Amino acid sequence: MPHIVVYSPRLTREKKVACAKELTEAFERGSGISAEHLVIHFEEHSYDNVAVGGKLLTDMEPTLAERERQYREQGH
């Protein structure tokens, strides 16, 4: 059973639906294998858990820090 793992920041449900559709279609086209049993895992991570060039994304980009704060305030 083929698997695709998507590591990303938090995505809305709508974005996950769109990504799953596009990834499935691309998998079928590229591999020639039916995607009937393709499994896609979305691994979402806080912007505080990702660093680029030695800096956390939330320290590099104020809008990401604000999104992270709002997410936590919602009780997540």
PDB file of N, CA and C in Angstrom:
ATOM      1  N   MET A   1       0.852  -1.166   0.000  1.00  0.00           N
ATOM      2  CA  MET A   1       0.000   0.000   0.000  1.00  0.00           C
ATOM      3  C   MET A   1       0.903   1.235   0.000  1.00  0.00           C
ATOM      4  N   PRO A   2       0.840   2.073  -1.019  1.00  0.00           N
ATOM      5  CA  PRO A   2       1.690   3.258  -1.068  1.00  0.00           C
ATOM      6  C   PRO A   2       1.243   4.322  -0.068  1.00  0.00           C
ATOM      7  N   HIS A   3       2.239   5.041   0.457  1.00  0.00           N
ATOM      8  CA  HIS A   3       1.991   6.121   1.414  1.00  0.00           C
ATOM      9  C   HIS A   3       2.700   7.386   0.954  1.00  0.00           C
ATOM     10  N   ILE A   4       2.054   8.511   1.180  1.00  0.00           N
ATOM     11  CA  ILE A   4       2.672   9.822   1.009  1.00  0.00           C
ATOM     12  C   ILE A   4       2.526  10.528   2.348  1.00  0.00           C
ATOM     13  N   VAL A   5       3.628  11.084   2.844  1.00  0.00           N
ATOM     14  CA  VAL A   5       3.591  11.845   4.090  1.00  0.00           C
ATOM     15  C   VAL A   5       3.859  13.308   3.758  1.00  0.00           C
ATOM     16  N   VAL A   6       2.958  14.165   4.206  1.00  0.00           N
ATOM     17  CA  VAL A   6       3.074  15.604   3.971  1.00  0.00           C
ATOM     18  C   VAL A   6       3.405  16.263   5.304  1.00  0.00           C
ATOM     19  N   TYR A   7       4.601  16.805   5.408  1.00  0.00           N
ATOM     20  CA  TYR A   7       4.997  17.569   6.589  1.00  0.00           C
ATOM     21  C   TYR A   7       4.731  19.034   6.271  1.00  0.00           C
ATOM     22  N   SER A   8       3.939  19.693   7.107  1.00  0.00           N
ATOM     23  CA  SER A   8       3.571  21.070   6.791  1.00  0.00           C
ATOM     24  C   SER A   8       3.165  21.806   8.054  1.00  0.00           C
ATOM     25  N   PRO A   9       3.064  23.128   7.932  1.00  0.00           N
ATOM     26  CA  PRO A   9       2.421  23.868   9.005  1.00  0.00           C
ATOM     27  C   PRO A   9       0.949  23.488   9.022  1.00  0.00           C
ATOM     28  N   ARG A  10       0.225  23.967   9.982  1.00  0.00           N
ATOM     29  CA  ARG A  10      -1.204  23.644  10.063  1.00  0.00           C
ATOM     30  C   ARG A  10      -1.928  24.127   8.811  1.00  0.00           C
ATOM     31  N   LEU A  11      -2.778  23.258   8.289  1.00  0.00           N
ATOM     32  CA  LEU A  11      -3.560  23.574   7.098  1.00  0.00           C
ATOM     33  C   LEU A  11      -5.041  23.504   7.435  1.00  0.00           C
ATOM     34  N   THR A  12      -5.827  24.297   6.749  1.00  0.00           N
ATOM     35  CA  THR A  12      -7.277  24.193   6.933  1.00  0.00           C
ATOM     36  C   THR A  12      -7.751  22.886   6.317  1.00  0.00           C
ATOM     37  N   ARG A  13      -8.921  22.456   6.703  1.00  0.00           N
ATOM     38  CA  ARG A  13      -9.487  21.237   6.139  1.00  0.00           C
ATOM     39  C   ARG A  13      -9.617  21.368   4.624  1.00  0.00           C
ATOM     40  N   GLU A  14     -10.032  22.528   4.156  1.00  0.00           N
ATOM     41  CA  GLU A  14     -10.200  22.748   2.721  1.00  0.00           C
ATOM     42  C   GLU A  14      -8.883  22.575   1.973  1.00  0.00           C
ATOM     43  N   LYS A  15      -7.805  23.072   2.550  1.00  0.00           N
ATOM     44  CA  LYS A  15      -6.497  22.931   1.910  1.00  0.00           C
ATOM     45  C   LYS A  15      -6.041  21.474   1.902  1.00  0.00           C
ATOM     46  N   LYS A  16      -6.342  20.728   2.964  1.00  0.00           N
ATOM     47  CA  LYS A  16      -5.991  19.305   2.999  1.00  0.00           C
ATOM     48  C   LYS A  16      -6.761  18.531   1.938  1.00  0.00           C
ATOM     49  N   VAL A  17      -8.036  18.847   1.783  1.00  0.00           N
ATOM     50  CA  VAL A  17      -8.850  18.183   0.760  1.00  0.00           C
ATOM     51  C   VAL A  17      -8.252  18.443  -0.623  1.00  0.00           C
ATOM     52  N   ALA A  18      -7.895  19.697  -0.899  1.00  0.00           N
ATOM     53  CA  ALA A  18      -7.326  20.055  -2.200  1.00  0.00           C
ATOM     54  C   ALA A  18      -5.976  19.363  -2.411  1.00  0.00           C
ATOM     55  N   CYS A  19      -5.133  19.354  -1.392  1.00  0.00           N
ATOM     56  CA  CYS A  19      -3.823  18.703  -1.506  1.00  0.00           C
ATOM     57  C   CYS A  19      -3.974  17.202  -1.731  1.00  0.00           C
ATOM     58  N   ALA A  20      -4.873  16.574  -0.992  1.00  0.00           N
ATOM     59  CA  ALA A  20      -5.076  15.136  -1.142  1.00  0.00           C
ATOM     60  C   ALA A  20      -5.512  14.798  -2.565  1.00  0.00           C
ATOM     61  N   LYS A  21      -6.407  15.584  -3.113  1.00  0.00           N
ATOM     62  CA  LYS A  21      -6.884  15.359  -4.477  1.00  0.00           C
ATOM     63  C   LYS A  21      -5.742  15.489  -5.480  1.00  0.00           C
ATOM     64  N   GLU A  22      -4.998  16.588  -5.390  1.00  0.00           N
ATOM     65  CA  GLU A  22      -3.903  16.840  -6.341  1.00  0.00           C
ATOM     66  C   GLU A  22      -2.783  15.804  -6.209  1.00  0.00           C
ATOM     67  N   LEU A  23      -2.422  15.465  -4.966  1.00  0.00           N
ATOM     68  CA  LEU A  23      -1.362  14.468  -4.768  1.00  0.00           C
ATOM     69  C   LEU A  23      -1.774  13.103  -5.306  1.00  0.00           C
ATOM     70  N   THR A  24      -3.028  12.742  -5.095  1.00  0.00           N
ATOM     71  CA  THR A  24      -3.525  11.460  -5.595  1.00  0.00           C
ATOM     72  C   THR A  24      -3.476  11.415  -7.117  1.00  0.00           C
ATOM     73  N   GLU A  25      -3.929  12.472  -7.751  1.00  0.00           N
ATOM     74  CA  GLU A  25      -3.906  12.524  -9.217  1.00  0.00           C
ATOM     75  C   GLU A  25      -2.473  12.482  -9.745  1.00  0.00           C
ATOM     76  N   ALA A  26      -1.572  13.210  -9.103  1.00  0.00           N
ATOM     77  CA  ALA A  26      -0.168  13.221  -9.534  1.00  0.00           C
ATOM     78  C   ALA A  26       0.472  11.846  -9.331  1.00  0.00           C
ATOM     79  N   PHE A  27       0.150  11.180  -8.237  1.00  0.00           N
ATOM     80  CA  PHE A  27       0.683   9.849  -7.979  1.00  0.00           C
ATOM     81  C   PHE A  27       0.257   8.875  -9.073  1.00  0.00           C
ATOM     82  N   GLU A  28      -1.011   8.894  -9.407  1.00  0.00           N
ATOM     83  CA  GLU A  28      -1.513   7.993 -10.454  1.00  0.00           C
ATOM     84  C   GLU A  28      -0.851   8.280 -11.801  1.00  0.00           C
ATOM     85  N   ARG A  29      -0.769   9.556 -12.161  1.00  0.00           N
ATOM     86  CA  ARG A  29      -0.140   9.927 -13.433  1.00  0.00           C
ATOM     87  C   ARG A  29       1.334   9.528 -13.465  1.00  0.00           C
ATOM     88  N   GLY A  30       2.046   9.856 -12.408  1.00  0.00           N
ATOM     89  CA  GLY A  30       3.487   9.642 -12.385  1.00  0.00           C
ATOM     90  C   GLY A  30       3.900   8.198 -12.235  1.00  0.00           C
ATOM     91  N   SER A  31       3.128   7.427 -11.495  1.00  0.00           N
ATOM     92  CA  SER A  31       3.523   6.045 -11.224  1.00  0.00           C
ATOM     93  C   SER A  31       2.848   5.028 -12.133  1.00  0.00           C
ATOM     94  N   GLY A  32       1.685   5.407 -12.667  1.00  0.00           N
ATOM     95  CA  GLY A  32       0.923   4.451 -13.455  1.00  0.00           C
ATOM     96  C   GLY A  32       0.209   3.425 -12.581  1.00  0.00           C
ATOM     97  N   ILE A  33       0.286   3.619 -11.266  1.00  0.00           N
ATOM     98  CA  ILE A  33      -0.349   2.708 -10.306  1.00  0.00           C
ATOM     99  C   ILE A  33      -1.670   3.326  -9.864  1.00  0.00           C
ATOM    100  N   SER A  34      -2.707   2.492  -9.791  1.00  0.00           N
ATOM    101  CA  SER A  34      -3.995   2.977  -9.305  1.00  0.00           C
ATOM    102  C   SER A  34      -3.853   3.461  -7.866  1.00  0.00           C
ATOM    103  N   ALA A  35      -4.417   4.589  -7.579  1.00  0.00           N
ATOM    104  CA  ALA A  35      -4.309   5.168  -6.243  1.00  0.00           C
ATOM    105  C   ALA A  35      -5.461   4.735  -5.336  1.00  0.00           C
ATOM    106  N   GLU A  36      -6.131   3.672  -5.696  1.00  0.00           N
ATOM    107  CA  GLU A  36      -7.272   3.194  -4.923  1.00  0.00           C
ATOM    108  C   GLU A  36      -6.948   3.002  -3.443  1.00  0.00           C
ATOM    109  N   HIS A  37      -5.722   2.566  -3.160  1.00  0.00           N
ATOM    110  CA  HIS A  37      -5.337   2.314  -1.770  1.00  0.00           C
ATOM    111  C   HIS A  37      -4.236   3.256  -1.285  1.00  0.00           C
ATOM    112  N   LEU A  38      -4.024   4.345  -2.002  1.00  0.00           N
ATOM    113  CA  LEU A  38      -3.008   5.316  -1.599  1.00  0.00           C
ATOM    114  C   LEU A  38      -3.404   5.950  -0.273  1.00  0.00           C
ATOM    115  N   VAL A  39      -2.457   5.981   0.646  1.00  0.00           N
ATOM    116  CA  VAL A  39      -2.683   6.592   1.954  1.00  0.00           C
ATOM    117  C   VAL A  39      -1.854   7.864   2.021  1.00  0.00           C
ATOM    118  N   ILE A  40      -2.485   8.964   2.410  1.00  0.00           N
ATOM    119  CA  ILE A  40      -1.790  10.235   2.570  1.00  0.00           C
ATOM    120  C   ILE A  40      -1.910  10.646   4.035  1.00  0.00           C
ATOM    121  N   HIS A  41      -0.769  10.884   4.656  1.00  0.00           N
ATOM    122  CA  HIS A  41      -0.726  11.333   6.047  1.00  0.00           C
ATOM    123  C   HIS A  41      -0.343  12.806   6.068  1.00  0.00           C
ATOM    124  N   PHE A  42      -1.095  13.606   6.795  1.00  0.00           N
ATOM    125  CA  PHE A  42      -0.742  14.998   6.997  1.00  0.00           C
ATOM    126  C   PHE A  42      -0.140  15.123   8.392  1.00  0.00           C
ATOM    127  N   GLU A  43       1.120  15.482   8.459  1.00  0.00           N
ATOM    128  CA  GLU A  43       1.825  15.701   9.723  1.00  0.00           C
ATOM    129  C   GLU A  43       1.984  17.209   9.883  1.00  0.00           C
ATOM    130  N   GLU A  44       1.166  17.790  10.723  1.00  0.00           N
ATOM    131  CA  GLU A  44       1.189  19.238  10.894  1.00  0.00           C
ATOM    132  C   GLU A  44       2.049  19.612  12.094  1.00  0.00           C
ATOM    133  N   HIS A  45       2.775  20.696  11.928  1.00  0.00           N
ATOM    134  CA  HIS A  45       3.685  21.129  12.971  1.00  0.00           C
ATOM    135  C   HIS A  45       3.506  22.611  13.255  1.00  0.00           C
ATOM    136  N   SER A  46       3.712  22.951  14.497  1.00  0.00           N
ATOM    137  CA  SER A  46       3.702  24.345  14.918  1.00  0.00           C
ATOM    138  C   SER A  46       4.838  25.085  14.232  1.00  0.00           C
ATOM    139  N   TYR A  47       4.625  26.342  13.950  1.00  0.00           N
ATOM    140  CA  TYR A  47       5.694  27.166  13.399  1.00  0.00           C
ATOM    141  C   TYR A  47       6.842  27.298  14.405  1.00  0.00           C
ATOM    142  N   ASP A  48       6.564  27.054  15.678  1.00  0.00           N
ATOM    143  CA  ASP A  48       7.616  27.060  16.694  1.00  0.00           C
ATOM    144  C   ASP A  48       8.497  25.816  16.600  1.00  0.00           C
ATOM    145  N   ASN A  49       8.079  24.833  15.833  1.00  0.00           N
ATOM    146  CA  ASN A  49       8.836  23.585  15.710  1.00  0.00           C
ATOM    147  C   ASN A  49       9.656  23.515  14.430  1.00  0.00           C
ATOM    148  N   VAL A  50       9.756  24.620  13.714  1.00  0.00           N
ATOM    149  CA  VAL A  50      10.498  24.640  12.456  1.00  0.00           C
ATOM    150  C   VAL A  50      11.489  25.798  12.495  1.00  0.00           C
ATOM    151  N   ALA A  51      12.739  25.494  12.156  1.00  0.00           N
ATOM    152  CA  ALA A  51      13.763  26.539  12.100  1.00  0.00           C
ATOM    153  C   ALA A  51      14.415  26.532  10.730  1.00  0.00           C
ATOM    154  N   VAL A  52      14.750  27.703  10.261  1.00  0.00           N
ATOM    155  CA  VAL A  52      15.474  27.869   9.001  1.00  0.00           C
ATOM    156  C   VAL A  52      16.657  28.794   9.291  1.00  0.00           C
ATOM    157  N   GLY A  53      17.827  28.363   8.905  1.00  0.00           N
ATOM    158  CA  GLY A  53      19.000  29.200   9.134  1.00  0.00           C
ATOM    159  C   GLY A  53      19.265  29.486  10.599  1.00  0.00           C
ATOM    160  N   GLY A  54      18.876  28.563  11.474  1.00  0.00           N
ATOM    161  CA  GLY A  54      19.131  28.723  12.898  1.00  0.00           C
ATOM    162  C   GLY A  54      18.107  29.546  13.648  1.00  0.00           C
ATOM    163  N   LYS A  55      17.025  29.971  12.973  1.00  0.00           N
ATOM    164  CA  LYS A  55      15.990  30.768  13.636  1.00  0.00           C
ATOM    165  C   LYS A  55      14.635  30.104  13.475  1.00  0.00           C
ATOM    166  N   LEU A  56      13.846  30.138  14.560  1.00  0.00           N
ATOM    167  CA  LEU A  56      12.481  29.623  14.478  1.00  0.00           C
ATOM    168  C   LEU A  56      11.675  30.483  13.517  1.00  0.00           C
ATOM    169  N   LEU A  57      10.754  29.844  12.805  1.00  0.00           N
ATOM    170  CA  LEU A  57       9.923  30.594  11.865  1.00  0.00           C
ATOM    171  C   LEU A  57       9.151  31.712  12.566  1.00  0.00           C
ATOM    172  N   THR A  58       8.711  31.453  13.792  1.00  0.00           N
ATOM    173  CA  THR A  58       7.955  32.477  14.515  1.00  0.00           C
ATOM    174  C   THR A  58       8.829  33.671  14.885  1.00  0.00           C
ATOM    175  N   ASP A  59      10.138  33.478  14.968  1.00  0.00           N
ATOM    176  CA  ASP A  59      11.043  34.594  15.237  1.00  0.00           C
ATOM    177  C   ASP A  59      11.388  35.340  13.946  1.00  0.00           C
ATOM    178  N   MET A  60      11.283  34.657  12.833  1.00  0.00           N
ATOM    179  CA  MET A  60      11.629  35.256  11.549  1.00  0.00           C
ATOM    180  C   MET A  60      10.474  36.057  10.948  1.00  0.00           C
ATOM    181  N   GLU A  61       9.253  35.623  11.234  1.00  0.00           N
ATOM    182  CA  GLU A  61       8.093  36.206  10.568  1.00  0.00           C
ATOM    183  C   GLU A  61       7.001  36.508  11.591  1.00  0.00           C
ATOM    184  N   PRO A  62       6.761  37.771  11.906  1.00  0.00           N
ATOM    185  CA  PRO A  62       5.752  38.139  12.908  1.00  0.00           C
ATOM    186  C   PRO A  62       4.357  37.603  12.604  1.00  0.00           C
ATOM    187  N   THR A  63       3.982  37.512  11.333  1.00  0.00           N
ATOM    188  CA  THR A  63       2.631  37.006  11.020  1.00  0.00           C
ATOM    189  C   THR A  63       2.496  35.540  11.412  1.00  0.00           C
ATOM    190  N   LEU A  64       3.564  34.782  11.319  1.00  0.00           N
ATOM    191  CA  LEU A  64       3.512  33.376  11.733  1.00  0.00           C
ATOM    192  C   LEU A  64       3.409  33.276  13.250  1.00  0.00           C
ATOM    193  N   ALA A  65       4.107  34.143  13.944  1.00  0.00           N
ATOM    194  CA  ALA A  65       4.012  34.169  15.404  1.00  0.00           C
ATOM    195  C   ALA A  65       2.584  34.494  15.831  1.00  0.00           C
ATOM    196  N   GLU A  66       1.947  35.413  15.137  1.00  0.00           N
ATOM    197  CA  GLU A  66       0.569  35.782  15.460  1.00  0.00           C
ATOM    198  C   GLU A  66      -0.386  34.628  15.182  1.00  0.00           C
ATOM    199  N   ARG A  67      -0.204  33.931  14.070  1.00  0.00           N
ATOM    200  CA  ARG A  67      -1.054  32.770  13.763  1.00  0.00           C
ATOM    201  C   ARG A  67      -0.889  31.687  14.822  1.00  0.00           C
ATOM    202  N   GLU A  68       0.325  31.479  15.271  1.00  0.00           N
ATOM    203  CA  GLU A  68       0.588  30.484  16.308  1.00  0.00           C
ATOM    204  C   GLU A  68      -0.097  30.872  17.617  1.00  0.00           C
ATOM    205  N   ARG A  69      -0.022  32.150  17.967  1.00  0.00           N
ATOM    206  CA  ARG A  69      -0.672  32.636  19.188  1.00  0.00           C
ATOM    207  C   ARG A  69      -2.182  32.430  19.123  1.00  0.00           C
ATOM    208  N   GLN A  70      -2.793  32.762  17.994  1.00  0.00           N
ATOM    209  CA  GLN A  70      -4.233  32.601  17.824  1.00  0.00           C
ATOM    210  C   GLN A  70      -4.639  31.140  17.917  1.00  0.00           C
ATOM    211  N   TYR A  71      -3.853  30.277  17.325  1.00  0.00           N
ATOM    212  CA  TYR A  71      -4.146  28.838  17.368  1.00  0.00           C
ATOM    213  C   TYR A  71      -4.153  28.340  18.810  1.00  0.00           C
ATOM    214  N   ARG A  72      -3.170  28.750  19.576  1.00  0.00           N
ATOM    215  CA  ARG A  72      -3.080  28.315  20.977  1.00  0.00           C
ATOM    216  C   ARG A  72      -4.218  28.868  21.813  1.00  0.00           C
ATOM    217  N   GLU A  73      -4.638  30.086  21.536  1.00  0.00           N
ATOM    218  CA  GLU A  73      -5.737  30.695  22.264  1.00  0.00           C
ATOM    219  C   GLU A  73      -7.062  29.981  22.012  1.00  0.00           C
ATOM    220  N   GLN A  74      -7.156  29.306  20.886  1.00  0.00           N
ATOM    221  CA  GLN A  74      -8.367  28.553  20.557  1.00  0.00           C
ATOM    222  C   GLN A  74      -8.419  27.225  21.315  1.00  0.00           C
ATOM    223  N   GLY A  75      -7.393  26.957  22.112  1.00  0.00           N
ATOM    224  CA  GLY A  75      -7.394  25.751  22.935  1.00  0.00           C
ATOM    225  C   GLY A  75      -6.758  24.537  22.290  1.00  0.00           C
ATOM    226  N   HIS A  76      -5.903  24.762  21.315  1.00  0.00           N
ATOM    227  CA  HIS A  76      -5.245  23.640  20.636  1.00  0.00           C
ATOM    228  C   HIS A  76      -3.914  23.350  21.280  1.00  0.00           C
TER     229      HIS A  76
END
